[in-house]
C-alpha atoms as a PDB file:
ATOM      1  CA  MET A   1      24.105  35.869  80.589  1.00  0.00           C
ATOM      2  CA  THR A   2      20.907  37.146  82.173  1.00  0.00           C
ATOM      3  CA  SER A   3      21.011  40.373  80.149  1.00  0.00           C
ATOM      4  CA  GLN A   4      21.505  38.401  76.921  1.00  0.00           C
ATOM      5  CA  ILE A   5      18.446  36.235  77.657  1.00  0.00           C
ATOM      6  CA  TYR A   6      16.455  39.368  78.490  1.00  0.00           C
ATOM      7  CA  ARG A   7      17.391  40.956  75.137  1.00  0.00           C
ATOM      8  CA  ASP A   8      16.480  37.742  73.329  1.00  0.00           C
ATOM      9  CA  VAL A   9      13.067  37.617  74.971  1.00  0.00           C
ATOM     10  CA  ILE A  10      12.377  41.257  74.089  1.00  0.00           C
ATOM     11  CA  LEU A  11      13.485  40.650  70.500  1.00  0.00           C
ATOM     12  CA  GLU A  12      11.286  37.563  70.253  1.00  0.00           C
ATOM     13  CA  GLN A  13       8.259  39.556  71.452  1.00  0.00           C
ATOM     14  CA  HIS A  14       9.022  42.254  68.899  1.00  0.00           C
ATOM     15  CA  VAL A  15       9.336  39.659  66.122  1.00  0.00           C
ATOM     16  CA  ARG A  16       5.981  38.112  66.956  1.00  0.00           C
ATOM     17  CA  LEU A  17       4.314  41.531  67.073  1.00  0.00           C
ATOM     18  CA  PHE A  18       5.868  42.284  63.686  1.00  0.00           C
ATOM     19  CA  ARG A  19       4.595  38.941  62.426  1.00  0.00           C
ATOM     20  CA  GLY A  20       1.043  39.916  63.328  1.00  0.00           C
ATOM     21  CA  ALA A  21       1.398  43.249  61.557  1.00  0.00           C
ATOM     22  CA  MET A  22       2.813  41.660  58.408  1.00  0.00           C
ATOM     23  CA  GLY A  23      -0.016  39.155  58.133  1.00  0.00           C
ATOM     24  CA  ALA A  24       2.229  36.127  58.888  1.00  0.00           C
ATOM     25  CA  GLN A  25       4.047  36.535  55.597  1.00  0.00           C
ATOM     26  CA  PHE A  26       7.282  35.027  56.937  1.00  0.00           C
ATOM     27  CA  VAL A  27       8.324  31.800  58.680  1.00  0.00           C
ATOM     28  CA  PHE A  28      10.624  30.946  61.603  1.00  0.00           C
ATOM     29  CA  MET A  29      13.701  28.739  61.262  1.00  0.00           C
ATOM     30  CA  ASP A  30      15.642  27.294  64.247  1.00  0.00           C
ATOM     31  CA  ASP A  31      18.958  28.934  65.108  1.00  0.00           C
ATOM     32  CA  ASP A  32      21.760  26.610  66.230  1.00  0.00           C
ATOM     33  CA  ALA A  33      23.238  29.235  68.517  1.00  0.00           C
ATOM     34  CA  ARG A  34      19.966  30.182  70.254  1.00  0.00           C
ATOM     35  CA  PRO A  35      17.320  27.482  69.674  1.00  0.00           C
ATOM     36  CA  HIS A  36      14.708  29.459  71.648  1.00  0.00           C
ATOM     37  CA  LEU A  37      14.977  32.326  69.124  1.00  0.00           C
ATOM     38  CA  ALA A  38      14.159  32.373  65.445  1.00  0.00           C
ATOM     39  CA  LYS A  39      15.365  33.854  62.213  1.00  0.00           C
ATOM     40  CA  LEU A  40      13.063  35.667  59.806  1.00  0.00           C
ATOM     41  CA  MET A  41      12.834  34.187  56.326  1.00  0.00           C
ATOM     42  CA  PHE A  42      10.719  36.718  54.412  1.00  0.00           C
ATOM     43  CA  LYS A  43       8.356  36.018  51.532  1.00  0.00           C
ATOM     44  CA  THR A  44       8.066  38.961  49.155  1.00  0.00           C
ATOM     45  CA  ILE A  45       4.542  40.318  48.704  1.00  0.00           C
ATOM     46  CA  SER A  46       3.877  41.790  45.273  1.00  0.00           C
ATOM     47  CA  SER A  47       1.552  44.712  44.490  1.00  0.00           C
ATOM     48  CA  PRO A  48       0.683  45.702  48.076  1.00  0.00           C
ATOM     49  CA  ALA A  49      -1.984  48.287  48.801  1.00  0.00           C
ATOM     50  CA  ASP A  50      -0.745  51.690  49.935  1.00  0.00           C
ATOM     51  CA  CYS A  51      -2.805  51.533  53.105  1.00  0.00           C
ATOM     52  CA  GLU A  52      -1.204  48.180  53.966  1.00  0.00           C
ATOM     53  CA  ILE A  53       2.301  49.654  53.840  1.00  0.00           C
ATOM     54  CA  ARG A  54       1.170  52.675  55.865  1.00  0.00           C
ATOM     55  CA  ALA A  55      -0.262  50.363  58.519  1.00  0.00           C
ATOM     56  CA  VAL A  56       3.099  48.590  58.821  1.00  0.00           C
ATOM     57  CA  ILE A  57       4.922  51.936  59.065  1.00  0.00           C
ATOM     58  CA  LYS A  58       2.480  53.084  61.737  1.00  0.00           C
ATOM     59  CA  PHE A  59       2.972  49.881  63.747  1.00  0.00           C
ATOM     60  CA  LEU A  60       6.766  49.903  63.566  1.00  0.00           C
ATOM     61  CA  ASN A  61       6.892  53.612  64.374  1.00  0.00           C
ATOM     62  CA  ALA A  62       4.741  52.984  67.453  1.00  0.00           C
ATOM     63  CA  SER A  63       7.270  50.294  68.410  1.00  0.00           C
ATOM     64  CA  ASN A  64      10.010  52.963  68.364  1.00  0.00           C
ATOM     65  CA  VAL A  65      11.700  51.520  65.276  1.00  0.00           C
ATOM     66  CA  LYS A  66      13.883  54.044  63.464  1.00  0.00           C
ATOM     67  CA  PRO A  67      12.720  55.246  60.010  1.00  0.00           C
ATOM     68  CA  GLY A  68      15.759  53.730  58.308  1.00  0.00           C
ATOM     69  CA  GLU A  69      15.084  50.332  59.883  1.00  0.00           C
ATOM     70  CA  ILE A  70      11.393  50.617  58.951  1.00  0.00           C
ATOM     71  CA  TYR A  71      12.372  51.201  55.331  1.00  0.00           C
ATOM     72  CA  ARG A  72      14.719  48.196  55.370  1.00  0.00           C
ATOM     73  CA  GLN A  73      12.134  45.825  56.843  1.00  0.00           C
ATOM     74  CA  VAL A  74       9.328  47.015  54.569  1.00  0.00           C
ATOM     75  CA  THR A  75      11.405  46.654  51.403  1.00  0.00           C
ATOM     76  CA  GLU A  76      12.532  43.176  52.453  1.00  0.00           C
ATOM     77  CA  VAL A  77       8.913  42.011  52.448  1.00  0.00           C
ATOM     78  CA  TYR A  78       7.265  44.221  49.819  1.00  0.00           C
ATOM     79  CA  GLY A  79      10.198  44.739  47.480  1.00  0.00           C
ATOM     80  CA  GLU A  80      12.572  47.635  46.919  1.00  0.00           C
ATOM     81  CA  TYR A  81      10.111  49.531  44.722  1.00  0.00           C
ATOM     82  CA  ALA A  82       7.173  49.403  47.143  1.00  0.00           C
ATOM     83  CA  ILE A  83       8.040  52.720  48.806  1.00  0.00           C
ATOM     84  CA  SER A  84      10.971  55.110  48.977  1.00  0.00           C
ATOM     85  CA  ASP A  85      13.005  55.974  52.051  1.00  0.00           C
ATOM     86  CA  GLY A  86      11.861  59.577  51.870  1.00  0.00           C
ATOM     87  CA  MET A  87       8.200  58.551  51.796  1.00  0.00           C
ATOM     88  CA  VAL A  88       8.712  56.318  54.841  1.00  0.00           C
ATOM     89  CA  ARG A  89      10.217  59.232  56.765  1.00  0.00           C
ATOM     90  CA  LYS A  90       7.353  61.474  55.625  1.00  0.00           C
ATOM     91  CA  TRP A  91       4.728  59.064  56.966  1.00  0.00           C
ATOM     92  CA  VAL A  92       6.662  58.707  60.214  1.00  0.00           C
ATOM     93  CA  ARG A  93       6.452  62.487  60.669  1.00  0.00           C
ATOM     94  CA  ILE A  94       2.739  62.429  59.791  1.00  0.00           C
ATOM     95  CA  PHE A  95       1.975  59.703  62.343  1.00  0.00           C
ATOM     96  CA  ASN A  96       4.082  61.458  64.977  1.00  0.00           C
ATOM     97  CA  ALA A  97       2.022  64.601  64.321  1.00  0.00           C
ATOM     98  CA  GLY A  98      -1.094  62.770  65.447  1.00  0.00           C
ATOM     99  CA  ARG A  99      -2.618  61.180  62.378  1.00  0.00           C
ATOM    100  CA  THR A 100      -4.150  57.743  62.928  1.00  0.00           C
ATOM    101  CA  ASN A 101      -5.902  57.007  59.622  1.00  0.00           C
ATOM    102  CA  VAL A 102      -3.876  55.001  57.093  1.00  0.00           C
ATOM    103  CA  GLN A 103      -6.405  55.439  54.282  1.00  0.00           C
ATOM    104  CA  ALA A 104      -5.834  58.053  51.590  1.00  0.00           C
ATOM    105  CA  GLU A 105      -7.721  61.257  52.175  1.00  0.00           C
ATOM    106  CA  VAL A 106     -10.324  62.351  49.654  1.00  0.00           C
ATOM    107  CA  ARG A 107      -8.906  65.124  47.506  1.00  0.00           C
ATOM    108  CA  SER A 108     -10.981  67.910  46.077  1.00  0.00           C
ATOM    109  CA  GLY A 109      -8.831  67.946  42.954  1.00  0.00           C
ATOM    110  CA  ARG A 110      -8.192  70.769  40.579  1.00  0.00           C
ATOM    111  CA  PRO A 111     -11.228  73.024  40.148  1.00  0.00           C
ATOM    112  CA  SER A 112     -12.913  72.465  36.811  1.00  0.00           C
ATOM    113  CA  VAL A 113     -12.710  75.268  34.271  1.00  0.00           C
ATOM    114  CA  VAL A 114     -16.031  74.161  32.756  1.00  0.00           C
ATOM    115  CA  THR A 115     -18.744  76.188  34.451  1.00  0.00           C
ATOM    116  CA  ASP A 116     -22.396  76.741  33.664  1.00  0.00           C
ATOM    117  CA  ASP A 117     -21.580  80.263  32.482  1.00  0.00           C
ATOM    118  CA  LEU A 118     -18.949  78.921  30.068  1.00  0.00           C
ATOM    119  CA  LEU A 119     -21.369  76.317  28.703  1.00  0.00           C
ATOM    120  CA  ARG A 120     -23.938  79.040  28.085  1.00  0.00           C
ATOM    121  CA  LYS A 121     -21.430  81.261  26.255  1.00  0.00           C
ATOM    122  CA  VAL A 122     -20.199  78.405  24.050  1.00  0.00           C
ATOM    123  CA  ASP A 123     -23.786  77.447  23.226  1.00  0.00           C
ATOM    124  CA  GLU A 124     -24.586  81.039  22.245  1.00  0.00           C
ATOM    125  CA  ALA A 125     -21.493  81.179  20.012  1.00  0.00           C
ATOM    126  CA  ILE A 126     -22.583  77.986  18.255  1.00  0.00           C
ATOM    127  CA  HIS A 127     -26.078  79.375  17.659  1.00  0.00           C
ATOM    128  CA  GLU A 128     -24.572  82.472  16.050  1.00  0.00           C
ATOM    129  CA  ASN A 129     -22.515  80.426  13.568  1.00  0.00           C
ATOM    130  CA  ARG A 130     -23.511  76.826  12.954  1.00  0.00           C
ATOM    131  CA  ARG A 131     -20.610  76.336  10.531  1.00  0.00           C
ATOM    132  CA  PHE A 132     -17.909  77.119  13.057  1.00  0.00           C
ATOM    133  CA  THR A 133     -14.633  75.231  13.268  1.00  0.00           C
ATOM    134  CA  MET A 134     -12.707  74.366  16.414  1.00  0.00           C
ATOM    135  CA  THR A 135     -10.069  76.898  15.343  1.00  0.00           C
ATOM    136  CA  THR A 136     -12.529  79.789  15.158  1.00  0.00           C
ATOM    137  CA  LEU A 137     -14.189  78.682  18.387  1.00  0.00           C
ATOM    138  CA  SER A 138     -10.852  78.513  20.217  1.00  0.00           C
ATOM    139  CA  GLU A 139     -10.089  82.043  19.010  1.00  0.00           C
ATOM    140  CA  ALA A 140     -13.311  83.197  20.676  1.00  0.00           C
ATOM    141  CA  PHE A 141     -12.331  81.416  23.916  1.00  0.00           C
ATOM    142  CA  PRO A 142      -8.523  81.699  24.135  1.00  0.00           C
ATOM    143  CA  GLN A 143      -8.502  80.798  27.836  1.00  0.00           C
ATOM    144  CA  ILE A 144      -9.817  77.290  27.066  1.00  0.00           C
ATOM    145  CA  SER A 145      -7.783  74.593  25.325  1.00  0.00           C
ATOM    146  CA  ARG A 146      -9.018  72.998  22.102  1.00  0.00           C
ATOM    147  CA  THR A 147      -9.390  69.633  23.848  1.00  0.00           C
ATOM    148  CA  VAL A 148     -11.673  71.053  26.531  1.00  0.00           C
ATOM    149  CA  LEU A 149     -13.671  72.967  23.922  1.00  0.00           C
ATOM    150  CA  PHE A 150     -14.178  69.817  21.877  1.00  0.00           C
ATOM    151  CA  GLU A 151     -15.396  67.955  24.985  1.00  0.00           C
ATOM    152  CA  ILE A 152     -17.796  70.808  25.768  1.00  0.00           C
ATOM    153  CA  VAL A 153     -19.231  70.842  22.245  1.00  0.00           C
ATOM    154  CA  SER A 154     -19.514  67.076  21.751  1.00  0.00           C
ATOM    155  CA  ASP A 155     -20.001  65.662  25.274  1.00  0.00           C
ATOM    156  CA  ARG A 156     -21.556  68.416  27.378  1.00  0.00           C
ATOM    157  CA  LEU A 157     -23.674  70.184  24.731  1.00  0.00           C
ATOM    158  CA  ASN A 158     -24.174  67.055  22.558  1.00  0.00           C
ATOM    159  CA  TYR A 159     -23.531  68.768  19.212  1.00  0.00           C
ATOM    160  CA  ARG A 160     -22.668  66.791  16.085  1.00  0.00           C
ATOM    161  CA  LYS A 161     -21.436  68.243  12.790  1.00  0.00           C
ATOM    162  CA  LEU A 162     -23.758  66.951  10.091  1.00  0.00           C
ATOM    163  CA  CYS A 163     -24.010  67.554   6.369  1.00  0.00           C
ATOM    164  CA  SER A 164     -27.140  68.978   4.791  1.00  0.00           C
ATOM    165  CA  ARG A 165     -29.241  66.526   2.844  1.00  0.00           C
ATOM    166  CA  TRP A 166     -29.353  67.087  -0.896  1.00  0.00           C
ATOM    167  CA  VAL A 167     -32.890  67.372  -2.282  1.00  0.00           C
ATOM    168  CA  PRO A 168     -33.984  67.786  -5.923  1.00  0.00           C
ATOM    169  CA  LYS A 169     -35.825  71.046  -5.315  1.00  0.00           C
ATOM    170  CA  MET A 170     -36.289  73.548  -2.530  1.00  0.00           C
ATOM    171  CA  LEU A 171     -40.056  73.697  -2.090  1.00  0.00           C
ATOM    172  CA  THR A 172     -41.820  76.864  -1.004  1.00  0.00           C
ATOM    173  CA  ASP A 173     -44.786  76.922   1.339  1.00  0.00           C
ATOM    174  CA  VAL A 174     -47.123  77.129  -1.675  1.00  0.00           C
ATOM    175  CA  HIS A 175     -45.544  74.027  -3.227  1.00  0.00           C
ATOM    176  CA  LYS A 176     -45.793  72.144   0.046  1.00  0.00           C
ATOM    177  CA  THR A 177     -49.462  73.113   0.413  1.00  0.00           C
ATOM    178  CA  LYS A 178     -50.258  71.859  -3.090  1.00  0.00           C
ATOM    179  CA  ARG A 179     -48.435  68.582  -2.481  1.00  0.00           C
ATOM    180  CA  LEU A 180     -50.279  68.133   0.782  1.00  0.00           C
ATOM    181  CA  GLY A 181     -53.601  68.675  -1.008  1.00  0.00           C
ATOM    182  CA  SER A 182     -52.663  66.139  -3.707  1.00  0.00           C
ATOM    183  CA  ALA A 183     -51.621  63.597  -1.094  1.00  0.00           C
ATOM    184  CA  LEU A 184     -54.930  63.998   0.743  1.00  0.00           C
ATOM    185  CA  THR A 185     -56.788  63.540  -2.548  1.00  0.00           C
ATOM    186  CA  PHE A 186     -54.940  60.277  -3.237  1.00  0.00           C
ATOM    187  CA  LEU A 187     -55.606  59.025   0.277  1.00  0.00           C
ATOM    188  CA  THR A 188     -59.300  59.849  -0.020  1.00  0.00           C
ATOM    189  CA  ARG A 189     -59.615  57.998  -3.335  1.00  0.00           C
ATOM    190  CA  TYR A 190     -57.605  55.063  -2.004  1.00  0.00           C
ATOM    191  CA  SER A 191     -59.937  54.880   0.983  1.00  0.00           C
ATOM    192  CA  ASP A 192     -62.999  54.876  -1.298  1.00  0.00           C
ATOM    193  CA  GLU A 193     -61.771  52.770  -4.265  1.00  0.00           C
ATOM    194  CA  GLY A 194     -59.084  50.589  -2.703  1.00  0.00           C
ATOM    195  CA  GLU A 195     -56.200  49.073  -4.733  1.00  0.00           C
ATOM    196  CA  ASN A 196     -57.827  49.900  -8.093  1.00  0.00           C
ATOM    197  CA  VAL A 197     -56.864  53.560  -7.824  1.00  0.00           C
ATOM    198  CA  LEU A 198     -53.178  52.594  -7.940  1.00  0.00           C
ATOM    199  CA  ASN A 199     -53.620  51.260 -11.491  1.00  0.00           C
ATOM    200  CA  GLN A 200     -54.786  54.702 -12.651  1.00  0.00           C
ATOM    201  CA  ILE A 201     -51.761  56.665 -11.440  1.00  0.00           C
ATOM    202  CA  VAL A 202     -49.318  57.887 -14.114  1.00  0.00           C
ATOM    203  CA  THR A 203     -46.283  59.953 -13.177  1.00  0.00           C
ATOM    204  CA  GLY A 204     -43.245  61.311 -14.977  1.00  0.00           C
ATOM    205  CA  ASP A 205     -39.958  63.118 -14.514  1.00  0.00           C
ATOM    206  CA  GLU A 206     -37.052  64.651 -16.408  1.00  0.00           C
ATOM    207  CA  THR A 207     -33.348  63.921 -16.111  1.00  0.00           C
ATOM    208  CA  TRP A 208     -30.052  64.644 -17.819  1.00  0.00           C
ATOM    209  CA  VAL A 209     -28.467  61.769 -19.740  1.00  0.00           C
ATOM    210  CA  CYS A 210     -24.773  62.005 -20.642  1.00  0.00           C
ATOM    211  CA  HIS A 211     -23.475  60.675 -23.952  1.00  0.00           C
ATOM    212  CA  PHE A 212     -21.286  58.278 -21.967  1.00  0.00           C
ATOM    213  CA  THR A 213     -20.898  57.614 -18.240  1.00  0.00           C
ATOM    214  CA  PRO A 214     -17.334  57.230 -16.939  1.00  0.00           C
ATOM    215  CA  GLU A 215     -16.520  54.200 -14.846  1.00  0.00           C
ATOM    216  CA  SER A 216     -16.780  54.894 -11.136  1.00  0.00           C
ATOM    217  CA  GLU A 217     -13.948  54.257  -8.691  1.00  0.00           C
ATOM    218  CA  GLN A 218     -15.790  51.340  -7.133  1.00  0.00           C
ATOM    219  CA  GLN A 219     -16.496  49.778 -10.521  1.00  0.00           C
ATOM    220  CA  SER A 220     -12.799  49.924 -11.441  1.00  0.00           C
ATOM    221  CA  MET A 221     -11.658  48.084  -8.292  1.00  0.00           C
ATOM    222  CA  GLU A 222      -9.835  44.775  -8.859  1.00  0.00           C
ATOM    223  CA  TRP A 223      -8.838  41.900  -6.614  1.00  0.00           C
ATOM    224  CA  ARG A 224      -5.046  41.900  -6.275  1.00  0.00           C
ATOM    225  CA  HIS A 225      -2.398  40.664  -3.886  1.00  0.00           C
ATOM    226  CA  THR A 226      -1.126  43.144  -1.340  1.00  0.00           C
ATOM    227  CA  ARG A 227       2.325  43.126  -2.973  1.00  0.00           C
ATOM    228  CA  SER A 228       0.998  43.725  -6.480  1.00  0.00           C
ATOM    229  CA  PRO A 229       1.874  47.107  -8.038  1.00  0.00           C
ATOM    230  CA  LYS A 230      -0.872  49.683  -7.936  1.00  0.00           C
ATOM    231  CA  LYS A 231      -2.645  50.270 -11.209  1.00  0.00           C
ATOM    232  CA  GLN A 232      -2.891  53.867 -12.368  1.00  0.00           C
ATOM    233  CA  LYS A 233      -6.048  55.358 -13.790  1.00  0.00           C
ATOM    234  CA  PHE A 234      -6.618  58.759 -15.326  1.00  0.00           C
ATOM    235  CA  LYS A 235      -9.148  60.929 -13.612  1.00  0.00           C
ATOM    236  CA  VAL A 236     -12.206  61.249 -15.853  1.00  0.00           C
ATOM    237  CA  THR A 237     -14.778  63.998 -15.446  1.00  0.00           C
ATOM    238  CA  MET A 238     -18.395  63.857 -16.457  1.00  0.00           C
ATOM    239  CA  PRO A 239     -18.804  64.749 -20.144  1.00  0.00           C
ATOM    240  CA  SER A 240     -20.311  68.098 -21.040  1.00  0.00           C
ATOM    241  CA  GLN A 241     -22.391  66.597 -23.872  1.00  0.00           C
ATOM    242  CA  LYS A 242     -25.744  65.505 -22.512  1.00  0.00           C
ATOM    243  CA  ILE A 243     -29.398  65.436 -23.452  1.00  0.00           C
ATOM    244  CA  THR A 244     -32.700  65.789 -21.605  1.00  0.00           C
ATOM    245  CA  ARG A 245     -34.781  62.663 -21.178  1.00  0.00           C
ATOM    246  CA  THR A 246     -38.469  62.629 -20.180  1.00  0.00           C
ATOM    247  CA  VAL A 247     -39.967  59.415 -18.799  1.00  0.00           C
ATOM    248  CA  PHE A 248     -43.573  58.520 -17.882  1.00  0.00           C
ATOM    249  CA  TRP A 249     -44.577  55.304 -16.103  1.00  0.00           C
ATOM    250  CA  ASN A 250     -47.218  53.670 -13.977  1.00  0.00           C
ATOM    251  CA  ARG A 251     -47.098  50.784 -11.508  1.00  0.00           C
ATOM    252  CA  LYS A 252     -46.763  48.212 -14.308  1.00  0.00           C
ATOM    253  CA  GLY A 253     -43.769  49.786 -16.048  1.00  0.00           C
ATOM    254  CA  VAL A 254     -42.521  52.520 -18.381  1.00  0.00           C
ATOM    255  CA  LEU A 255     -45.086  54.054 -20.746  1.00  0.00           C
ATOM    256  CA  LEU A 256     -43.082  56.631 -22.707  1.00  0.00           C
ATOM    257  CA  THR A 257     -39.456  57.698 -23.052  1.00  0.00           C
ATOM    258  CA  GLU A 258     -38.648  60.815 -25.060  1.00  0.00           C
ATOM    259  CA  PHE A 259     -35.357  62.610 -25.696  1.00  0.00           C
ATOM    260  CA  LEU A 260     -35.367  66.357 -26.262  1.00  0.00           C
ATOM    261  CA  PRO A 261     -33.626  67.268 -29.538  1.00  0.00           C
ATOM    262  CA  ARG A 262     -30.520  69.404 -29.243  1.00  0.00           C
ATOM    263  CA  GLY A 263     -31.183  73.121 -29.389  1.00  0.00           C
ATOM    264  CA  GLU A 264     -34.797  72.873 -28.212  1.00  0.00           C
ATOM    265  CA  THR A 265     -36.280  73.708 -24.821  1.00  0.00           C
ATOM    266  CA  ILE A 266     -39.292  72.393 -22.975  1.00  0.00           C
ATOM    267  CA  ASN A 267     -42.108  74.921 -23.235  1.00  0.00           C
ATOM    268  CA  ALA A 268     -45.889  74.711 -23.237  1.00  0.00           C
ATOM    269  CA  ALA A 269     -46.141  73.668 -26.880  1.00  0.00           C
ATOM    270  CA  ARG A 270     -43.431  71.050 -26.505  1.00  0.00           C
ATOM    271  CA  TYR A 271     -45.049  69.659 -23.377  1.00  0.00           C
ATOM    272  CA  CYS A 272     -48.464  69.402 -25.043  1.00  0.00           C
ATOM    273  CA  GLU A 273     -46.852  67.443 -27.859  1.00  0.00           C
ATOM    274  CA  THR A 274     -45.283  65.108 -25.320  1.00  0.00           C
ATOM    275  CA  LEU A 275     -48.635  64.565 -23.568  1.00  0.00           C
ATOM    276  CA  THR A 276     -50.205  63.665 -26.909  1.00  0.00           C
ATOM    277  CA  LYS A 277     -47.537  61.006 -27.401  1.00  0.00           C
ATOM    278  CA  LEU A 278     -48.184  59.784 -23.859  1.00  0.00           C
ATOM    279  CA  ARG A 279     -51.892  59.377 -24.592  1.00  0.00           C
ATOM    280  CA  ARG A 280     -51.115  57.224 -27.633  1.00  0.00           C
ATOM    281  CA  ALA A 281     -48.649  55.168 -25.604  1.00  0.00           C
ATOM    282  CA  ILE A 282     -51.297  54.491 -22.952  1.00  0.00           C
ATOM    283  CA  GLN A 283     -53.800  53.420 -25.627  1.00  0.00           C
ATOM    284  CA  ASN A 284     -51.288  50.971 -27.075  1.00  0.00           C
ATOM    285  CA  LYS A 285     -49.735  49.611 -23.852  1.00  0.00           C
ATOM    286  CA  ARG A 286     -52.578  49.900 -21.303  1.00  0.00           C
ATOM    287  CA  ARG A 287     -55.817  49.231 -23.142  1.00  0.00           C
ATOM    288  CA  GLY A 288     -58.905  50.380 -21.238  1.00  0.00           C
ATOM    289  CA  MET A 289     -56.937  52.609 -18.890  1.00  0.00           C
ATOM    290  CA  LEU A 290     -58.049  55.887 -20.465  1.00  0.00           C
ATOM    291  CA  GLY A 291     -61.699  54.919 -20.080  1.00  0.00           C
ATOM    292  CA  LYS A 292     -61.293  54.420 -16.318  1.00  0.00           C
ATOM    293  CA  GLY A 293     -59.572  57.769 -15.900  1.00  0.00           C
ATOM    294  CA  ILE A 294     -55.978  58.717 -15.204  1.00  0.00           C
ATOM    295  CA  VAL A 295     -54.791  60.301 -12.009  1.00  0.00           C
END
């Protein structure tokens, strides 16, 4: 009888120590056979932290509880998927070897393949060929995956693949110098004469005009239900028949529109004839403008 009471007292002390380690996540219920002792009625804790489970394993291992019993008690409180039996036994061996910290150690991780030397080589390869593709670049660096190369190009080196901007004409340095001189002349006159100089500016340009313009894809779009059958449309190319149109205008509107007859080209004589027509158009549409001077 005395030995039974002694075992009960020892068990009760162990239960209360275990209760402190578990954060009081269970309650005691009276036992009819031994009212001075208690039964454990566990409450399952969901999503526990790893360090919390390691702390419980460390405590129970210090209390000389067998690894199998530690696994049973931990899974009763934290659930059967909280930790495996093999992992419990592994941590028991680690704590027995002298480890005291239950926090995860900082890992150095896998060494990065992206080095400063690699960044420099990729940058040099891009400078040699701005129109490279990821396929050609990966052939130059077979030891690097396409995903890593794309991250190097876009994230580390901050490259973006852009299209060239279309411009009407490629100007030479002489053309740019002349345009700069003309712009400075306009600015000087605008500074001296003010808004009046804008009324004296006449400009013109040439363009191709097709005999008919096909309907664009956006213009042919229709509102339909999602289940409606798709309408088919023949692909239409721009017509080859076209004519040159010359237009002159000022700030108040169009002054002259002239179409070049088929078979003719714009040369000095033709252009002088067009300027003569422009002079007559200015006299008729902008009276007094010729007397003030045209820019």
